[in-house]
Protein backbone atom coordinates (compact mmCIF):
# COMPACT_ATOMS: atom_id res chain seq x y z
CA MET A 1 -11.97 -27.39 1.89
CA ALA A 2 -11.06 -30.99 0.88
CA LEU A 3 -9.88 -29.74 -2.54
CA THR A 4 -7.62 -27.15 -0.87
CA LYS A 5 -6.05 -29.81 1.38
CA LEU A 6 -5.46 -32.11 -1.60
CA ILE A 7 -3.80 -29.32 -3.61
CA LYS A 8 -1.60 -28.36 -0.66
CA LYS A 9 -0.55 -32.01 -0.17
CA MET A 10 0.33 -32.43 -3.88
CA TRP A 11 2.22 -29.14 -3.86
CA ASP A 12 4.29 -30.21 -0.81
CA LYS A 13 5.18 -33.52 -2.51
CA LEU A 14 6.22 -31.71 -5.71
CA VAL A 15 8.42 -29.24 -3.80
CA SER A 16 10.07 -32.12 -1.91
CA PHE A 17 10.71 -33.92 -5.22
CA ILE A 18 12.29 -30.83 -6.82
CA ASN A 19 14.48 -30.25 -3.75
CA ALA A 20 15.65 -33.87 -3.88
CA ILE A 21 16.58 -33.51 -7.57
CA ILE A 22 18.56 -30.31 -6.89
CA ILE A 23 20.41 -31.93 -3.96
CA HIS A 24 21.31 -35.01 -6.02
CA ALA A 25 22.54 -32.80 -8.88
CA LEU A 26 24.78 -30.85 -6.46
CA LEU A 27 26.14 -34.10 -4.98
CA LEU A 28 26.93 -35.44 -8.46
CA SER A 29 28.74 -32.20 -9.33
CA ILE A 30 30.84 -32.38 -6.16
CA MET A 31 31.73 -36.00 -6.81
CA PHE A 32 32.69 -35.18 -10.41
CA PHE A 33 35.01 -32.35 -9.32
CA THR A 34 36.50 -34.52 -6.59
CA MET A 35 37.21 -37.55 -8.75
CA ALA A 36 38.45 -35.63 -11.84
CA PRO A 37 42.32 -35.99 -12.28
CA SER A 38 44.32 -32.87 -11.65
CA PRO A 39 46.52 -31.59 -14.48
CA LYS A 40 49.39 -31.16 -12.05
CA GLN A 41 49.44 -34.90 -11.29
CA THR A 42 49.81 -35.94 -14.96
CA LEU A 43 53.10 -37.83 -15.42
CA SER A 44 54.89 -38.28 -18.67
CA PRO A 45 58.37 -39.68 -19.32
CA SER A 46 58.82 -37.17 -22.05
CA PRO A 47 59.05 -33.50 -20.89
CA LYS A 48 58.75 -32.54 -24.45
CA HIS A 49 55.10 -33.54 -24.73
CA VAL A 50 54.00 -32.50 -21.22
CA MET A 51 52.67 -29.06 -22.17
CA GLN A 52 50.56 -30.38 -25.07
CA ALA A 53 48.98 -33.19 -23.02
CA VAL A 54 48.20 -30.89 -20.12
CA THR A 55 46.61 -28.33 -22.45
CA ILE A 56 44.39 -30.92 -24.15
CA ASP A 57 43.31 -32.47 -20.85
CA GLU A 58 42.61 -29.09 -19.30
CA ASN A 59 40.53 -27.95 -22.31
CA GLN A 60 38.55 -31.17 -22.25
CA TRP A 61 38.12 -30.87 -18.53
CA ARG A 62 36.89 -27.26 -18.82
CA ALA A 63 34.59 -28.17 -21.71
CA ALA A 64 33.15 -31.01 -19.65
CA ILE A 65 32.67 -28.70 -16.68
CA GLN A 66 30.99 -26.07 -18.89
CA GLN A 67 28.76 -28.72 -20.44
CA ARG A 68 27.82 -29.93 -16.94
CA LYS A 69 27.08 -26.37 -15.87
CA ASN A 70 24.98 -25.78 -18.97
CA ASP A 71 23.07 -29.01 -18.35
CA GLU A 72 22.51 -28.12 -14.72
CA LYS A 73 21.41 -24.60 -15.67
CA ARG A 74 19.01 -25.98 -18.29
CA GLN A 75 17.62 -28.49 -15.80
CA PHE A 76 17.26 -25.76 -13.19
CA GLN A 77 15.44 -23.54 -15.71
CA GLN A 78 13.14 -26.43 -16.60
CA LEU A 79 12.44 -27.01 -12.94
CA ARG A 80 11.77 -23.30 -12.45
CA ALA A 81 9.40 -23.32 -15.45
CA GLN A 82 7.58 -26.37 -14.04
CA GLN A 83 7.38 -24.70 -10.66
CA ARG A 84 5.91 -21.51 -12.22
CA GLN A 85 3.41 -23.61 -14.17
CA LEU A 86 2.38 -25.43 -11.00
CA ASN A 87 2.02 -22.10 -9.17
CA ARG A 88 -0.13 -20.81 -12.02
CA LYS A 89 -2.32 -23.95 -11.90
CA LYS A 90 -2.59 -23.61 -8.13
CA ARG A 91 -3.76 -19.99 -8.46
CA GLN A 92 -6.28 -21.03 -11.12
CA ILE A 93 -7.64 -23.78 -8.88
CA GLU A 94 -7.86 -21.37 -5.90
CA LYS A 95 -9.63 -18.84 -8.14
CA LYS A 96 -12.13 -21.49 -9.30
CA GLU A 97 -12.66 -22.51 -5.70
CA ARG A 98 -13.35 -18.90 -4.64
CA GLU A 99 -15.74 -18.49 -7.58
CA GLU A 100 -17.51 -21.71 -6.59
CA ILE A 101 -17.83 -20.47 -2.99
CA LEU A 102 -19.26 -17.15 -4.22
CA ARG A 103 -21.68 -19.01 -6.49
CA LEU A 104 -22.85 -21.22 -3.62
CA ASP A 105 -23.26 -18.15 -1.37
CA LYS A 106 -25.31 -16.49 -4.09
CA LEU A 107 -27.49 -19.62 -4.45
CA ARG A 108 -28.00 -19.74 -0.67
CA GLN A 109 -29.02 -16.07 -0.65
CA GLN A 110 -31.43 -16.67 -3.55
CA LYS A 111 -32.90 -19.67 -1.71
CA LYS A 112 -33.28 -17.57 1.46
CA ARG A 113 -35.02 -14.78 -0.47
CA GLU A 114 -37.31 -17.35 -2.13
CA GLU A 115 -38.18 -18.86 1.26
CA GLU A 116 -38.92 -15.40 2.65
CA ARG A 117 -41.09 -14.65 -0.40
CA LEU A 118 -43.00 -17.92 0.02
CA THR A 119 -43.44 -17.24 3.74
CA LYS A 120 -44.86 -13.79 3.02
CA LEU A 121 -47.08 -15.26 0.29
CA LYS A 122 -48.44 -17.87 2.73
CA GLN A 123 -49.07 -15.15 5.32
CA ARG A 124 -50.94 -13.06 2.74
CA GLN A 125 -52.93 -16.12 1.67
CA LYS A 126 -53.87 -16.86 5.29
CA ALA A 127 -54.89 -13.23 5.84
CA GLU A 128 -56.91 -13.30 2.60
CA ALA A 129 -58.60 -16.55 3.70
CA LYS A 130 -59.47 -14.96 7.05
CA ARG A 131 -60.90 -11.90 5.31
CA ARG A 132 -62.96 -14.09 2.97
CA GLU A 133 -64.24 -16.15 5.91
CA LEU A 134 -65.17 -12.98 7.81
CA LYS A 135 -66.89 -11.60 4.73
CA ARG A 136 -68.79 -14.88 4.28
CA LYS A 137 -69.90 -14.85 7.91
CA LYS A 138 -71.09 -11.26 7.60
CA ALA A 139 -72.95 -12.12 4.39
CA GLU A 140 -74.51 -15.14 6.10
CA GLN A 141 -75.56 -13.00 9.07
CA ALA A 142 -77.03 -10.39 6.73
CA ARG A 143 -78.92 -13.12 4.84
CA LEU A 144 -80.29 -14.63 8.03
CA LYS A 145 -81.27 -11.20 9.28
CA LYS A 146 -82.99 -10.43 5.98
CA GLU A 147 -84.83 -13.77 6.07
CA ALA A 148 -85.91 -13.10 9.66
CA LEU A 149 -87.21 -9.67 8.66
CA GLU A 150 -89.02 -11.21 5.70
CA ARG A 151 -90.61 -13.83 7.97
CA LYS A 152 -91.66 -11.12 10.38
CA ARG A 153 -93.11 -9.08 7.53
CA ILE A 154 -95.05 -12.08 6.24
CA ALA A 155 -96.31 -12.85 9.74
CA LYS A 156 -97.33 -9.25 10.20
CA GLU A 157 -99.08 -9.25 6.84
CA ARG A 158 -100.90 -12.44 7.73
CA GLU A 159 -101.87 -10.96 11.06
CA ARG A 160 -103.10 -7.83 9.34
CA LYS A 161 -105.13 -9.85 6.86
CA LYS A 162 -106.45 -11.94 9.69
CA ILE A 163 -107.46 -8.84 11.57
CA ALA A 164 -109.00 -7.36 8.44
CA LYS A 165 -110.86 -10.58 7.81
CA ARG A 166 -111.99 -10.71 11.37
CA GLU A 167 -113.12 -7.10 11.23
CA ALA A 168 -115.01 -7.80 8.03
CA GLU A 169 -116.60 -10.79 9.68
CA LEU A 170 -117.53 -8.67 12.67
CA ALA A 171 -118.98 -6.04 10.38
CA ARG A 172 -120.96 -8.68 8.54
CA LEU A 173 -122.17 -10.12 11.81
CA ALA A 174 -123.01 -6.62 12.99
CA LYS A 175 -125.09 -6.04 9.89
CA VAL A 176 -126.75 -9.42 10.24
CA LYS A 177 -127.37 -8.90 13.93
CA GLU A 178 -128.52 -5.32 13.81
CA ARG A 179 -131.20 -6.26 16.12
CA LYS A 180 -128.81 -7.49 18.78
CA LYS A 181 -128.46 -5.49 21.85
CA ALA A 182 -126.02 -2.62 22.15
CA GLN A 183 -124.39 -4.47 25.04
CA GLU A 184 -123.30 -7.28 22.73
CA GLN A 185 -121.88 -4.72 20.29
CA GLU A 186 -119.95 -3.03 23.10
CA ARG A 187 -118.59 -6.42 24.29
CA ALA A 188 -117.47 -7.23 20.79
CA GLU A 189 -115.75 -3.87 20.53
CA LYS A 190 -113.94 -4.40 23.82
CA LYS A 191 -112.84 -7.81 22.68
CA ARG A 192 -111.42 -6.36 19.48
CA GLU A 193 -109.58 -3.65 21.41
CA ALA A 194 -108.15 -6.26 23.77
CA GLU A 195 -106.85 -8.25 20.83
CA GLU A 196 -105.26 -5.15 19.35
CA ARG A 197 -103.59 -4.32 22.64
CA ALA A 198 -102.33 -7.89 22.91
CA TYR A 199 -100.94 -7.64 19.38
CA LEU A 200 -99.24 -4.31 20.12
CA ALA A 201 -97.79 -5.73 23.34
CA ALA A 202 -96.48 -8.78 21.48
CA GLU A 203 -94.97 -6.53 18.77
CA LYS A 204 -93.30 -4.37 21.39
CA LYS A 205 -91.89 -7.45 23.13
CA ARG A 206 -90.57 -8.78 19.81
CA LYS A 207 -88.80 -5.48 19.01
CA GLU A 208 -87.27 -5.42 22.48
CA GLN A 209 -85.99 -8.95 21.99
CA GLU A 210 -84.42 -7.97 18.63
CA ARG A 211 -82.75 -4.95 20.25
CA ARG A 212 -81.26 -7.17 22.98
CA VAL A 213 -79.96 -9.64 20.37
CA ARG A 214 -78.29 -6.80 18.44
CA LEU A 215 -76.68 -5.44 21.60
CA ALA A 216 -75.39 -8.93 22.54
CA GLU A 217 -73.91 -9.40 19.06
CA GLU A 218 -72.24 -5.97 19.22
CA ARG A 219 -70.75 -6.72 22.65
CA GLN A 220 -69.46 -10.11 21.38
CA ARG A 221 -67.91 -8.44 18.33
CA LYS A 222 -66.11 -5.84 20.47
CA THR A 223 -64.91 -8.59 22.84
CA ASP A 224 -63.48 -10.57 19.91
CA GLU A 225 -61.74 -7.49 18.55
CA ARG A 226 -60.15 -6.72 21.94
CA ARG A 227 -59.01 -10.35 22.29
CA LYS A 228 -57.45 -10.34 18.81
CA ALA A 229 -55.67 -7.05 19.52
CA ARG A 230 -54.33 -8.44 22.81
CA LEU A 231 -53.07 -11.62 21.12
CA ALA A 232 -51.41 -9.58 18.36
CA GLU A 233 -49.71 -7.39 20.96
CA GLU A 234 -48.46 -10.46 22.87
CA ARG A 235 -47.09 -12.05 19.66
CA GLN A 236 -45.30 -8.79 18.76
CA GLN A 237 -43.81 -8.59 22.25
CA LYS A 238 -42.53 -12.19 22.05
CA ALA A 239 -41.05 -11.53 18.60
CA ASP A 240 -39.25 -8.43 19.94
CA GLU A 241 -37.87 -10.44 22.85
CA ARG A 242 -36.60 -13.20 20.50
CA ARG A 243 -34.99 -10.61 18.22
CA GLU A 244 -33.27 -8.90 21.17
CA GLU A 245 -31.98 -12.29 22.40
CA GLN A 246 -30.59 -13.13 18.93
CA GLU A 247 -28.89 -9.72 18.67
CA ARG A 248 -27.39 -10.17 22.14
CA ARG A 249 -26.01 -13.62 21.24
CA ALA A 250 -24.64 -12.29 17.95
CA ARG A 251 -22.83 -9.47 19.79
CA LEU A 252 -21.53 -11.96 22.35
CA ILE A 253 -20.24 -14.32 19.62
CA LYS A 254 -18.55 -11.42 17.83
CA GLU A 255 -16.93 -10.30 21.09
CA VAL A 256 -15.80 -13.88 21.85
CA SER A 257 -14.23 -14.19 18.37
CA ARG A 258 -12.42 -10.87 18.89
CA ASN A 259 -11.17 -12.02 22.33
CA ILE A 260 -9.94 -15.32 20.86
CA HIS A 261 -8.06 -13.46 18.11
CA ASP A 262 -6.55 -11.07 20.67
CA LYS A 263 -5.41 -13.94 22.90
CA ILE A 264 -3.83 -15.80 19.99
CA GLU A 265 -2.15 -12.59 18.82
CA ALA A 266 -0.81 -12.05 22.36
CA GLN A 267 0.89 -15.48 22.16
CA TRP A 268 2.13 -14.91 18.60
CA ILE A 269 5.88 -14.47 17.98
CA ARG A 270 6.85 -12.54 14.87
CA PRO A 271 8.59 -15.06 12.52
CA ARG A 272 11.58 -14.53 10.30
CA GLY A 273 10.72 -12.85 6.97
CA TYR A 274 7.39 -11.45 8.22
CA TYR A 275 5.95 -8.36 6.56
CA ARG A 276 2.72 -6.49 7.10
CA GLY A 277 -0.49 -7.64 5.45
CA LEU A 278 -0.07 -11.41 5.92
CA SER A 279 -3.06 -13.42 7.10
CA CYS A 280 -4.26 -17.00 7.16
CA ASP A 281 -7.45 -18.92 7.92
CA MET A 282 -7.20 -21.52 10.68
CA GLU A 283 -9.54 -24.38 11.51
CA ILE A 284 -9.41 -24.97 15.27
CA ARG A 285 -10.97 -28.12 16.76
CA LEU A 286 -12.04 -27.54 20.38
CA LYS A 287 -12.69 -29.59 23.49
CA PRO A 288 -15.09 -28.60 26.30
CA GLY A 289 -13.82 -25.56 28.13
CA GLY A 290 -12.25 -24.05 24.99
CA VAL A 291 -9.19 -26.38 25.05
CA VAL A 292 -7.49 -26.52 21.62
CA LYS A 293 -7.43 -30.09 20.28
CA TRP A 294 -5.68 -29.43 16.96
CA VAL A 295 -5.12 -26.59 14.47
CA ASN A 296 -5.03 -26.74 10.68
CA ILE A 297 -4.26 -24.00 8.14
CA ILE A 298 -7.05 -24.02 5.53
CA ARG A 299 -5.92 -20.88 3.65
CA SER A 300 -2.36 -19.64 3.50
CA ASN A 301 -0.59 -16.62 2.01
CA GLY A 302 2.31 -18.85 0.98
CA ASN A 303 4.57 -17.96 3.91
CA SER A 304 5.09 -21.24 5.81
CA HIS A 305 6.95 -19.48 8.69
CA PHE A 306 3.95 -17.21 9.25
CA ASP A 307 1.54 -20.19 9.11
CA ASP A 308 3.62 -22.18 11.63
CA SER A 309 3.86 -19.18 13.98
CA ALA A 310 0.06 -18.75 13.83
CA LYS A 311 -0.51 -22.45 14.66
CA ASP A 312 1.97 -22.27 17.56
CA ALA A 313 0.23 -19.17 18.91
CA ALA A 314 -3.17 -20.95 18.76
CA TYR A 315 -1.81 -23.91 20.74
CA LYS A 316 -0.18 -21.59 23.30
CA ALA A 317 -3.43 -19.62 23.73
CA SER A 318 -5.31 -22.77 24.86
CA PRO A 319 -7.79 -22.75 26.55
CA LEU A 320 -9.57 -20.14 24.43
CA PRO A 321 -11.97 -17.71 26.17
CA ILE A 322 -15.32 -19.22 25.05
CA PRO A 323 -18.24 -18.93 27.53
CA ASN A 324 -20.34 -22.06 27.99
CA GLU A 325 -23.52 -20.31 26.85
CA VAL A 326 -22.11 -19.84 23.30
CA PHE A 327 -19.88 -22.94 23.09
CA ASP A 328 -22.56 -24.79 21.11
CA GLU A 329 -22.59 -21.96 18.53
CA PHE A 330 -19.06 -22.98 17.44
CA GLU A 331 -20.06 -26.71 17.25
CA LYS A 332 -16.67 -27.68 18.76
CA GLU A 333 -15.00 -26.22 15.64
CA LEU A 334 -13.82 -22.65 15.01
CA ILE A 335 -12.83 -21.03 11.69
CA LEU A 336 -10.66 -18.00 12.46
CA ARG A 337 -8.84 -15.53 10.20
CA PHE A 338 -5.58 -14.60 11.90
CA LYS A 339 -4.30 -11.20 10.79
CA PRO A 340 -1.96 -9.54 13.31
């Protein structure tokens, strides 16, 4: 934008300089014709030599005029050539500027795509970390469960060996005490049965406790899954609401820009030498309430009358129809392409 303003300023100075040179050349030509002596006013005491003197002076005068015309034509051609060269350089600079703008837009798009790719990669990494953590927790739970089962098996094996040892001891005592009374043998048998019942009752209680623990873990797992699903649904709903709000603001901004263009076009007066297809880009600085502070042409088609008429129409259209809710979107500055 700064480069465009600098080029336009230099171009205006060059055009003013060329116009000044042309005007001075015309003034010098007029002064030369005015001050040149007329052949009719030539006086000579000898009528005999009048015709010859007048002819020589007139030929010299015409030759001088022709030479002046040739010089002026050559200077004008040189000025035209310089003007064409400057126009060509201006078009080259504008072309380079457009190419630079396209390159910067392309770089911004590449940066945006790279940021989106990195965001998706981070999301995948987070999801993968969550899956690994869940897998680790499940593996840890399985290990703990396996260790608990192993401890229970060892305890059961010890209990069985203890019972077997006790039974062997009872059998040995029974053999040793064959002469004991049948009542003592019956009491010992009842005692053994009571111990077995106590063991079976304890085993049943232990299995019931394990079943309750499994049910509690299953209920907790289902509760966590329902909570995660509810949170995901709420996040999706909020994202949809934000997207709808952004789309609504975008439509509103587009409608505001169209209304601004229509209002400016309604105030526009067709200038002299206008033809279809002309357009220009205007930078409009705004005050609160949409009041136009100043207008500057940042891209022109080369028709100064059209540019001036567009600026006048923008000033006449003040205040511009900009709602307060989207005034901050324009940041007190509006870039508008005017194309009636």
